[in-house]
C-alpha atoms as a PDB file:
ATOM      1  CA  UNK A   1     -74.813 159.552 -20.333  1.00  0.00           C
ATOM      2  CA  UNK A   2     -76.053 162.526 -18.322  1.00  0.00           C
ATOM      3  CA  UNK A   3     -76.245 162.394 -14.545  1.00  0.00           C
ATOM      4  CA  UNK A   4     -78.666 164.651 -12.701  1.00  0.00           C
ATOM      5  CA  UNK A   5     -78.530 165.378  -8.976  1.00  0.00           C
ATOM      6  CA  UNK A   6     -81.334 167.930  -9.075  1.00  0.00           C
ATOM      7  CA  UNK A   7     -84.501 165.945  -9.701  1.00  0.00           C
ATOM      8  CA  UNK A   8     -87.867 166.175  -7.932  1.00  0.00           C
ATOM      9  CA  UNK A   9     -86.547 164.325  -4.878  1.00  0.00           C
ATOM     10  CA  UNK A  10     -85.339 166.420  -1.911  1.00  0.00           C
ATOM     11  CA  UNK A  11     -81.670 167.314  -1.425  1.00  0.00           C
ATOM     12  CA  UNK A  12     -81.902 165.534   1.945  1.00  0.00           C
ATOM     13  CA  UNK A  13     -81.297 162.285   0.023  1.00  0.00           C
ATOM     14  CA  UNK A  14     -77.820 163.544  -0.917  1.00  0.00           C
ATOM     15  CA  UNK A  15     -77.020 164.406   2.698  1.00  0.00           C
ATOM     16  CA  UNK A  16     -78.086 160.928   3.824  1.00  0.00           C
ATOM     17  CA  UNK A  17     -75.907 159.413   1.107  1.00  0.00           C
ATOM     18  CA  UNK A  18     -72.879 161.374   2.346  1.00  0.00           C
ATOM     19  CA  UNK A  19     -73.300 159.960   5.842  1.00  0.00           C
ATOM     20  CA  UNK A  20     -74.590 156.533   4.825  1.00  0.00           C
ATOM     21  CA  UNK A  21     -71.984 154.723   6.960  1.00  0.00           C
ATOM     22  CA  UNK A  22     -73.748 156.108  10.051  1.00  0.00           C
ATOM     23  CA  UNK A  23     -77.301 155.098   9.085  1.00  0.00           C
ATOM     24  CA  UNK A  24     -79.358 152.279  10.577  1.00  0.00           C
ATOM     25  CA  UNK A  25     -83.042 151.338  10.944  1.00  0.00           C
ATOM     26  CA  UNK A  26     -82.989 153.224  14.262  1.00  0.00           C
ATOM     27  CA  UNK A  27     -82.699 156.551  12.409  1.00  0.00           C
ATOM     28  CA  UNK A  28     -86.396 157.366  12.037  1.00  0.00           C
ATOM     29  CA  UNK A  29     -85.860 160.738  10.343  1.00  0.00           C
ATOM     30  CA  UNK A  30     -83.646 159.204   7.674  1.00  0.00           C
ATOM     31  CA  UNK A  31     -86.134 156.390   7.165  1.00  0.00           C
ATOM     32  CA  UNK A  32     -88.968 158.864   6.619  1.00  0.00           C
ATOM     33  CA  UNK A  33     -86.999 160.689   3.889  1.00  0.00           C
ATOM     34  CA  UNK A  34     -86.065 157.458   2.121  1.00  0.00           C
ATOM     35  CA  UNK A  35     -89.542 155.921   2.328  1.00  0.00           C
ATOM     36  CA  UNK A  36     -91.068 159.083   0.857  1.00  0.00           C
ATOM     37  CA  UNK A  37     -88.558 159.007  -2.017  1.00  0.00           C
ATOM     38  CA  UNK A  38     -89.107 155.320  -2.772  1.00  0.00           C
ATOM     39  CA  UNK A  39     -92.877 155.843  -2.653  1.00  0.00           C
ATOM     40  CA  UNK A  40     -92.437 158.256  -5.568  1.00  0.00           C
ATOM     41  CA  UNK A  41     -90.575 155.559  -7.505  1.00  0.00           C
ATOM     42  CA  UNK A  42     -93.301 153.067  -6.632  1.00  0.00           C
ATOM     43  CA  UNK A  43     -95.992 155.341  -8.091  1.00  0.00           C
ATOM     44  CA  UNK A  44     -94.004 156.204 -11.223  1.00  0.00           C
ATOM     45  CA  UNK A  45     -93.736 159.910 -10.341  1.00  0.00           C
ATOM     46  CA  UNK A  46     -89.940 159.522 -10.398  1.00  0.00           C
ATOM     47  CA  UNK A  47     -87.710 157.057 -12.217  1.00  0.00           C
ATOM     48  CA  UNK A  48     -84.048 156.237 -11.806  1.00  0.00           C
ATOM     49  CA  UNK A  49     -83.166 156.558 -15.482  1.00  0.00           C
ATOM     50  CA  UNK A  50     -84.618 157.247 -18.898  1.00  0.00           C
ATOM     51  CA  UNK A  51     -83.756 158.269 -22.456  1.00  0.00           C
ATOM     52  CA  UNK A  52     -83.890 161.944 -23.402  1.00  0.00           C
ATOM     53  CA  UNK A  53     -85.371 163.284 -26.637  1.00  0.00           C
ATOM     54  CA  UNK A  54     -81.813 163.549 -27.924  1.00  0.00           C
ATOM     55  CA  UNK A  55     -81.378 159.814 -27.354  1.00  0.00           C
ATOM     56  CA  UNK A  56     -79.057 160.203 -24.389  1.00  0.00           C
ATOM     57  CA  UNK A  57     -79.480 158.168 -21.233  1.00  0.00           C
ATOM     58  CA  UNK A  58     -80.189 160.320 -18.172  1.00  0.00           C
ATOM     59  CA  UNK A  59     -79.688 158.979 -14.639  1.00  0.00           C
ATOM     60  CA  UNK A  60     -81.334 160.590 -11.606  1.00  0.00           C
ATOM     61  CA  UNK A  61     -78.643 160.082  -8.968  1.00  0.00           C
ATOM     62  CA  UNK A  62     -80.912 161.027  -6.083  1.00  0.00           C
ATOM     63  CA  UNK A  63     -83.422 158.393  -7.086  1.00  0.00           C
ATOM     64  CA  UNK A  64     -80.735 155.761  -7.356  1.00  0.00           C
ATOM     65  CA  UNK A  65     -79.273 156.743  -4.001  1.00  0.00           C
ATOM     66  CA  UNK A  66     -82.717 156.516  -2.392  1.00  0.00           C
ATOM     67  CA  UNK A  67     -83.023 152.914  -3.600  1.00  0.00           C
ATOM     68  CA  UNK A  68     -79.682 151.958  -2.090  1.00  0.00           C
ATOM     69  CA  UNK A  69     -80.311 153.838   1.139  1.00  0.00           C
ATOM     70  CA  UNK A  70     -83.501 151.829   1.652  1.00  0.00           C
ATOM     71  CA  UNK A  71     -81.343 148.801   2.450  1.00  0.00           C
ATOM     72  CA  UNK A  72     -79.696 150.736   5.289  1.00  0.00           C
ATOM     73  CA  UNK A  73     -82.701 152.351   6.957  1.00  0.00           C
ATOM     74  CA  UNK A  74     -85.318 149.597   6.628  1.00  0.00           C
ATOM     75  CA  UNK A  75     -85.290 146.874   9.224  1.00  0.00           C
ATOM     76  CA  UNK A  76     -86.030 143.249   8.430  1.00  0.00           C
ATOM     77  CA  UNK A  77     -89.649 142.389   9.100  1.00  0.00           C
ATOM     78  CA  UNK A  78     -92.344 139.861   8.295  1.00  0.00           C
ATOM     79  CA  UNK A  79     -95.045 141.001   5.880  1.00  0.00           C
ATOM     80  CA  UNK A  80     -97.864 139.653   3.745  1.00  0.00           C
ATOM     81  CA  UNK A  81     -99.528 140.688   0.498  1.00  0.00           C
ATOM     82  CA  UNK A  82    -102.383 138.382  -0.465  1.00  0.00           C
ATOM     83  CA  UNK A  83    -101.161 134.805  -0.019  1.00  0.00           C
ATOM     84  CA  UNK A  84     -97.487 135.790  -0.091  1.00  0.00           C
ATOM     85  CA  UNK A  85     -95.547 135.852   3.193  1.00  0.00           C
ATOM     86  CA  UNK A  86     -91.940 136.920   3.396  1.00  0.00           C
ATOM     87  CA  UNK A  87     -89.203 138.164   5.709  1.00  0.00           C
ATOM     88  CA  UNK A  88     -87.165 140.976   4.190  1.00  0.00           C
ATOM     89  CA  UNK A  89     -86.134 144.620   4.364  1.00  0.00           C
ATOM     90  CA  UNK A  90     -88.168 145.583   1.286  1.00  0.00           C
ATOM     91  CA  UNK A  91     -91.898 144.740   1.289  1.00  0.00           C
ATOM     92  CA  UNK A  92     -93.807 143.465  -1.702  1.00  0.00           C
ATOM     93  CA  UNK A  93     -95.561 145.964  -3.950  1.00  0.00           C
ATOM     94  CA  UNK A  94     -99.085 146.528  -2.667  1.00  0.00           C
ATOM     95  CA  UNK A  95    -100.762 148.259  -5.631  1.00  0.00           C
ATOM     96  CA  UNK A  96    -100.676 146.906  -9.198  1.00  0.00           C
ATOM     97  CA  UNK A  97    -103.798 148.456 -10.687  1.00  0.00           C
ATOM     98  CA  UNK A  98    -104.252 147.622 -14.367  1.00  0.00           C
ATOM     99  CA  UNK A  99    -101.463 145.034 -14.283  1.00  0.00           C
ATOM    100  CA  UNK A 100    -102.016 141.354 -14.998  1.00  0.00           C
ATOM    101  CA  UNK A 101    -100.131 139.378 -12.363  1.00  0.00           C
ATOM    102  CA  UNK A 102     -99.931 135.617 -12.850  1.00  0.00           C
ATOM    103  CA  UNK A 103     -99.529 133.586  -9.627  1.00  0.00           C
ATOM    104  CA  UNK A 104     -95.856 133.303  -8.740  1.00  0.00           C
ATOM    105  CA  UNK A 105     -94.910 136.795  -9.936  1.00  0.00           C
ATOM    106  CA  UNK A 106     -93.130 138.991  -7.382  1.00  0.00           C
ATOM    107  CA  UNK A 107     -92.680 142.754  -7.528  1.00  0.00           C
ATOM    108  CA  UNK A 108     -90.941 144.662  -4.739  1.00  0.00           C
ATOM    109  CA  UNK A 109     -92.154 147.984  -3.360  1.00  0.00           C
ATOM    110  CA  UNK A 110     -90.364 150.810  -5.160  1.00  0.00           C
ATOM    111  CA  UNK A 111     -90.752 149.230  -8.593  1.00  0.00           C
ATOM    112  CA  UNK A 112     -93.188 150.788 -11.041  1.00  0.00           C
ATOM    113  CA  UNK A 113     -95.520 148.708 -13.217  1.00  0.00           C
ATOM    114  CA  UNK A 114     -97.563 150.683 -15.743  1.00  0.00           C
ATOM    115  CA  UNK A 115    -101.110 149.718 -16.748  1.00  0.00           C
ATOM    116  CA  UNK A 116    -101.164 146.969 -19.340  1.00  0.00           C
ATOM    117  CA  UNK A 117     -98.040 145.228 -18.063  1.00  0.00           C
ATOM    118  CA  UNK A 118     -98.198 141.427 -17.861  1.00  0.00           C
ATOM    119  CA  UNK A 119     -96.138 139.625 -15.220  1.00  0.00           C
ATOM    120  CA  UNK A 120     -95.732 135.903 -15.674  1.00  0.00           C
ATOM    121  CA  UNK A 121     -94.098 134.152 -12.686  1.00  0.00           C
ATOM    122  CA  UNK A 122     -91.107 136.504 -12.513  1.00  0.00           C
ATOM    123  CA  UNK A 123     -89.270 138.983 -10.297  1.00  0.00           C
ATOM    124  CA  UNK A 124     -89.159 142.803 -10.432  1.00  0.00           C
ATOM    125  CA  UNK A 125     -86.798 144.536  -8.000  1.00  0.00           C
ATOM    126  CA  UNK A 126     -86.957 147.882  -6.206  1.00  0.00           C
ATOM    127  CA  UNK A 127     -86.257 150.889  -8.445  1.00  0.00           C
ATOM    128  CA  UNK A 128     -87.139 149.067 -11.666  1.00  0.00           C
ATOM    129  CA  UNK A 129     -89.538 150.717 -14.123  1.00  0.00           C
ATOM    130  CA  UNK A 130     -91.701 148.676 -16.527  1.00  0.00           C
ATOM    131  CA  UNK A 131     -93.704 150.763 -18.977  1.00  0.00           C
ATOM    132  CA  UNK A 132     -97.101 150.242 -20.628  1.00  0.00           C
ATOM    133  CA  UNK A 133     -97.909 147.082 -22.559  1.00  0.00           C
ATOM    134  CA  UNK A 134     -94.723 145.182 -21.720  1.00  0.00           C
ATOM    135  CA  UNK A 135     -94.654 141.462 -20.947  1.00  0.00           C
ATOM    136  CA  UNK A 136     -92.261 139.926 -18.438  1.00  0.00           C
ATOM    137  CA  UNK A 137     -91.914 136.228 -19.249  1.00  0.00           C
ATOM    138  CA  UNK A 138     -91.767 133.236 -16.942  1.00  0.00           C
ATOM    139  CA  UNK A 139     -88.694 133.219 -14.651  1.00  0.00           C
ATOM    140  CA  UNK A 140     -87.523 136.534 -16.078  1.00  0.00           C
ATOM    141  CA  UNK A 141     -85.808 138.869 -13.617  1.00  0.00           C
ATOM    142  CA  UNK A 142     -85.698 142.666 -13.734  1.00  0.00           C
ATOM    143  CA  UNK A 143     -82.979 143.894 -11.408  1.00  0.00           C
ATOM    144  CA  UNK A 144     -82.829 146.944  -9.193  1.00  0.00           C
ATOM    145  CA  UNK A 145     -83.173 150.215 -11.169  1.00  0.00           C
ATOM    146  CA  UNK A 146     -83.418 148.462 -14.564  1.00  0.00           C
ATOM    147  CA  UNK A 147     -85.620 150.318 -17.060  1.00  0.00           C
ATOM    148  CA  UNK A 148     -88.033 148.592 -19.449  1.00  0.00           C
ATOM    149  CA  UNK A 149     -89.814 150.631 -22.136  1.00  0.00           C
ATOM    150  CA  UNK A 150     -93.273 150.382 -23.679  1.00  0.00           C
ATOM    151  CA  UNK A 151     -94.437 147.230 -25.478  1.00  0.00           C
ATOM    152  CA  UNK A 152     -91.265 145.297 -24.674  1.00  0.00           C
ATOM    153  CA  UNK A 153     -91.311 141.493 -24.668  1.00  0.00           C
ATOM    154  CA  UNK A 154     -88.959 139.751 -22.251  1.00  0.00           C
ATOM    155  CA  UNK A 155     -88.992 136.018 -22.979  1.00  0.00           C
ATOM    156  CA  UNK A 156     -88.679 133.273 -20.384  1.00  0.00           C
ATOM    157  CA  UNK A 157     -85.570 133.338 -18.206  1.00  0.00           C
ATOM    158  CA  UNK A 158     -84.354 136.759 -19.347  1.00  0.00           C
ATOM    159  CA  UNK A 159     -82.251 138.741 -16.871  1.00  0.00           C
ATOM    160  CA  UNK A 160     -82.124 142.530 -17.076  1.00  0.00           C
ATOM    161  CA  UNK A 161     -79.787 144.405 -14.745  1.00  0.00           C
ATOM    162  CA  UNK A 162     -78.716 143.394 -11.242  1.00  0.00           C
ATOM    163  CA  UNK A 163     -75.038 143.941 -10.520  1.00  0.00           C
ATOM    164  CA  UNK A 164     -75.124 142.402  -7.042  1.00  0.00           C
ATOM    165  CA  UNK A 165     -73.773 145.595  -5.420  1.00  0.00           C
ATOM    166  CA  UNK A 166     -76.698 145.845  -2.995  1.00  0.00           C
ATOM    167  CA  UNK A 167     -75.719 142.534  -1.441  1.00  0.00           C
ATOM    168  CA  UNK A 168     -72.061 143.531  -0.974  1.00  0.00           C
ATOM    169  CA  UNK A 169     -72.069 145.601   2.204  1.00  0.00           C
ATOM    170  CA  UNK A 170     -68.477 146.913   2.107  1.00  0.00           C
ATOM    171  CA  UNK A 171     -68.606 147.787  -1.592  1.00  0.00           C
ATOM    172  CA  UNK A 172     -72.004 149.405  -1.053  1.00  0.00           C
ATOM    173  CA  UNK A 173     -70.767 151.723   1.696  1.00  0.00           C
ATOM    174  CA  UNK A 174     -67.579 152.635  -0.183  1.00  0.00           C
ATOM    175  CA  UNK A 175     -69.266 153.297  -3.532  1.00  0.00           C
ATOM    176  CA  UNK A 176     -69.387 156.839  -4.865  1.00  0.00           C
ATOM    177  CA  UNK A 177     -70.401 156.095  -8.448  1.00  0.00           C
ATOM    178  CA  UNK A 178     -72.607 153.263  -9.623  1.00  0.00           C
ATOM    179  CA  UNK A 179     -72.817 151.465 -12.910  1.00  0.00           C
ATOM    180  CA  UNK A 180     -75.444 152.728 -15.319  1.00  0.00           C
ATOM    181  CA  UNK A 181     -78.766 150.871 -14.985  1.00  0.00           C
ATOM    182  CA  UNK A 182     -79.648 148.439 -17.766  1.00  0.00           C
ATOM    183  CA  UNK A 183     -82.256 149.759 -20.178  1.00  0.00           C
ATOM    184  CA  UNK A 184     -84.432 148.067 -22.801  1.00  0.00           C
ATOM    185  CA  UNK A 185     -86.176 150.636 -24.967  1.00  0.00           C
ATOM    186  CA  UNK A 186     -89.678 150.708 -26.475  1.00  0.00           C
ATOM    187  CA  UNK A 187     -90.740 147.840 -28.691  1.00  0.00           C
ATOM    188  CA  UNK A 188     -87.672 145.662 -28.136  1.00  0.00           C
ATOM    189  CA  UNK A 189     -87.876 141.883 -27.905  1.00  0.00           C
ATOM    190  CA  UNK A 190     -85.388 139.874 -25.821  1.00  0.00           C
ATOM    191  CA  UNK A 191     -85.056 136.136 -26.494  1.00  0.00           C
ATOM    192  CA  UNK A 192     -85.114 133.415 -23.860  1.00  0.00           C
ATOM    193  CA  UNK A 193     -82.285 133.199 -21.315  1.00  0.00           C
ATOM    194  CA  UNK A 194     -80.620 136.353 -22.648  1.00  0.00           C
ATOM    195  CA  UNK A 195     -78.874 138.631 -20.128  1.00  0.00           C
ATOM    196  CA  UNK A 196     -78.865 142.423 -20.415  1.00  0.00           C
ATOM    197  CA  UNK A 197     -76.506 143.441 -17.631  1.00  0.00           C
ATOM    198  CA  UNK A 198     -76.093 146.759 -15.832  1.00  0.00           C
ATOM    199  CA  UNK A 199     -74.562 149.337 -18.142  1.00  0.00           C
ATOM    200  CA  UNK A 200     -76.047 147.743 -21.279  1.00  0.00           C
ATOM    201  CA  UNK A 201     -78.718 149.253 -23.512  1.00  0.00           C
ATOM    202  CA  UNK A 202     -81.022 147.693 -26.101  1.00  0.00           C
ATOM    203  CA  UNK A 203     -82.415 150.170 -28.610  1.00  0.00           C
ATOM    204  CA  UNK A 204     -85.966 150.742 -29.796  1.00  0.00           C
ATOM    205  CA  UNK A 205     -87.489 147.872 -31.727  1.00  0.00           C
ATOM    206  CA  UNK A 206     -84.347 145.751 -31.509  1.00  0.00           C
ATOM    207  CA  UNK A 207     -84.543 141.957 -31.383  1.00  0.00           C
ATOM    208  CA  UNK A 208     -81.934 140.208 -29.249  1.00  0.00           C
ATOM    209  CA  UNK A 209     -81.514 136.479 -29.866  1.00  0.00           C
ATOM    210  CA  UNK A 210     -81.915 133.804 -27.203  1.00  0.00           C
ATOM    211  CA  UNK A 211     -78.940 133.262 -24.925  1.00  0.00           C
ATOM    212  CA  UNK A 212     -77.219 136.531 -25.813  1.00  0.00           C
ATOM    213  CA  UNK A 213     -75.137 138.157 -23.065  1.00  0.00           C
ATOM    214  CA  UNK A 214     -74.773 141.926 -23.271  1.00  0.00           C
ATOM    215  CA  UNK A 215     -72.842 143.873 -20.644  1.00  0.00           C
ATOM    216  CA  UNK A 216     -71.862 147.523 -20.687  1.00  0.00           C
ATOM    217  CA  UNK A 217     -68.477 146.626 -22.181  1.00  0.00           C
ATOM    218  CA  UNK A 218     -69.456 143.846 -24.602  1.00  0.00           C
ATOM    219  CA  UNK A 219     -68.132 144.520 -28.129  1.00  0.00           C
ATOM    220  CA  UNK A 220     -70.954 145.011 -30.640  1.00  0.00           C
ATOM    221  CA  UNK A 221     -70.076 144.341 -34.288  1.00  0.00           C
ATOM    222  CA  UNK A 222     -72.027 144.886 -37.509  1.00  0.00           C
ATOM    223  CA  UNK A 223     -71.426 141.697 -39.490  1.00  0.00           C
ATOM    224  CA  UNK A 224     -72.184 143.373 -42.824  1.00  0.00           C
ATOM    225  CA  UNK A 225     -69.392 145.919 -42.550  1.00  0.00           C
ATOM    226  CA  UNK A 226     -67.148 144.591 -39.775  1.00  0.00           C
ATOM    227  CA  UNK A 227     -67.608 147.939 -38.013  1.00  0.00           C
ATOM    228  CA  UNK A 228     -67.270 147.889 -34.258  1.00  0.00           C
ATOM    229  CA  UNK A 229     -70.200 149.824 -32.815  1.00  0.00           C
ATOM    230  CA  UNK A 230     -70.670 151.404 -29.396  1.00  0.00           C
ATOM    231  CA  UNK A 231     -69.842 148.749 -26.767  1.00  0.00           C
ATOM    232  CA  UNK A 232     -72.735 147.490 -24.686  1.00  0.00           C
ATOM    233  CA  UNK A 233     -75.415 148.977 -26.924  1.00  0.00           C
ATOM    234  CA  UNK A 234     -77.617 147.180 -29.435  1.00  0.00           C
ATOM    235  CA  UNK A 235     -78.768 149.800 -31.990  1.00  0.00           C
ATOM    236  CA  UNK A 236     -82.387 150.662 -32.717  1.00  0.00           C
ATOM    237  CA  UNK A 237     -84.323 148.435 -35.114  1.00  0.00           C
ATOM    238  CA  UNK A 238     -81.933 145.577 -35.711  1.00  0.00           C
ATOM    239  CA  UNK A 239     -81.575 141.846 -35.071  1.00  0.00           C
ATOM    240  CA  UNK A 240     -78.624 140.933 -32.845  1.00  0.00           C
ATOM    241  CA  UNK A 241     -77.303 137.754 -31.287  1.00  0.00           C
ATOM    242  CA  UNK A 242     -74.363 136.510 -29.270  1.00  0.00           C
ATOM    243  CA  UNK A 243     -71.188 135.513 -31.048  1.00  0.00           C
ATOM    244  CA  UNK A 244     -67.419 135.291 -30.649  1.00  0.00           C
ATOM    245  CA  UNK A 245     -64.400 136.835 -32.232  1.00  0.00           C
ATOM    246  CA  UNK A 246     -60.815 135.592 -32.132  1.00  0.00           C
ATOM    247  CA  UNK A 247     -58.272 137.639 -30.218  1.00  0.00           C
ATOM    248  CA  UNK A 248     -54.531 137.127 -29.999  1.00  0.00           C
ATOM    249  CA  UNK A 249     -52.842 137.047 -26.579  1.00  0.00           C
ATOM    250  CA  UNK A 250     -49.303 136.167 -25.465  1.00  0.00           C
ATOM    251  CA  UNK A 251     -50.672 132.799 -24.372  1.00  0.00           C
ATOM    252  CA  UNK A 252     -52.402 132.068 -27.682  1.00  0.00           C
ATOM    253  CA  UNK A 253     -55.522 132.859 -29.697  1.00  0.00           C
ATOM    254  CA  UNK A 254     -58.887 132.689 -27.947  1.00  0.00           C
ATOM    255  CA  UNK A 255     -62.517 133.271 -28.895  1.00  0.00           C
ATOM    256  CA  UNK A 256     -64.061 136.016 -26.771  1.00  0.00           C
ATOM    257  CA  UNK A 257     -67.744 136.850 -26.511  1.00  0.00           C
ATOM    258  CA  UNK A 258     -69.325 139.690 -28.475  1.00  0.00           C
ATOM    259  CA  UNK A 259     -72.713 140.653 -29.875  1.00  0.00           C
ATOM    260  CA  UNK A 260     -73.284 140.542 -33.626  1.00  0.00           C
ATOM    261  CA  UNK A 261     -75.724 142.840 -35.411  1.00  0.00           C
ATOM    262  CA  UNK A 262     -77.023 140.557 -38.155  1.00  0.00           C
ATOM    263  CA  UNK A 263     -79.549 142.735 -39.917  1.00  0.00           C
ATOM    264  CA  UNK A 264     -81.015 146.236 -39.823  1.00  0.00           C
ATOM    265  CA  UNK A 265     -84.810 146.526 -39.761  1.00  0.00           C
ATOM    266  CA  UNK A 266     -87.069 149.213 -41.110  1.00  0.00           C
ATOM    267  CA  UNK A 267     -88.305 151.488 -38.340  1.00  0.00           C
ATOM    268  CA  UNK A 268     -91.556 150.131 -36.964  1.00  0.00           C
ATOM    269  CA  UNK A 269     -91.112 146.651 -38.457  1.00  0.00           C
ATOM    270  CA  UNK A 270     -91.405 143.750 -36.008  1.00  0.00           C
ATOM    271  CA  UNK A 271     -90.215 140.601 -37.843  1.00  0.00           C
ATOM    272  CA  UNK A 272     -92.270 137.418 -37.623  1.00  0.00           C
ATOM    273  CA  UNK A 273     -90.940 134.066 -36.458  1.00  0.00           C
ATOM    274  CA  UNK A 274     -90.077 132.830 -39.954  1.00  0.00           C
ATOM    275  CA  UNK A 275     -88.132 135.983 -40.775  1.00  0.00           C
ATOM    276  CA  UNK A 276     -86.293 135.873 -37.467  1.00  0.00           C
ATOM    277  CA  UNK A 277     -85.345 132.219 -37.986  1.00  0.00           C
ATOM    278  CA  UNK A 278     -83.919 133.108 -41.397  1.00  0.00           C
ATOM    279  CA  UNK A 279     -81.848 135.982 -40.006  1.00  0.00           C
ATOM    280  CA  UNK A 280     -80.593 134.147 -36.938  1.00  0.00           C
ATOM    281  CA  UNK A 281     -79.690 130.950 -38.769  1.00  0.00           C
ATOM    282  CA  UNK A 282     -77.881 132.793 -41.542  1.00  0.00           C
END
């Protein structure tokens, strides 16, 4: 992973981060800097993270800091977008041009939704980025700063990202380094009730089976060879699902969670339901 402090956002964000323990909604100058930065995230001009041409994940630390600082410099207020009323620090997203939004879907200001995105009743948090043609299924949740590629399908109840750090005030103020945002790359398909936690990455065109839990440290194993792959990362163009493997401890042998790569796919091949059933059932 590459971390970049010198993105298009102003260096003033770094100074605010250094003195974050002093900030409050009363600091109007700080609020102006943060609001301007988050507006750039909201419009898609800046994103918290992405994948480089070399396939490496790149995190824009200033962008991520701006997201977290918003919770310090924005006061709680009542707001309304359409028929939605709420009482929060972060307002709802006001502009979703070219996006199909089904009633019950919620997207916070500071998230980016590209044209062609479909939101079923779901939740998209500040700092998240959802690219063109992706579908966010019913009751799916995209956490703060999570990154969703083009033409991704998130099935019902999927959770991507969200470490809970923003809600933990003491940990928030003490933090110097954050976990890597969760990322689901172009063309991937995530099955119902699966969880892709912060620090995890699903590769291009990969299919992740229903109920799978993938964190940044989850062991990933190729069942054909027994090879242990990069933890927390489902490779490009494969079918993967949750599994267990037996580990020996002083107190006995226990089955611990892992992710199993069941089959490699040809690049560009999206398997149909019958083929997926065959692979997943073994």
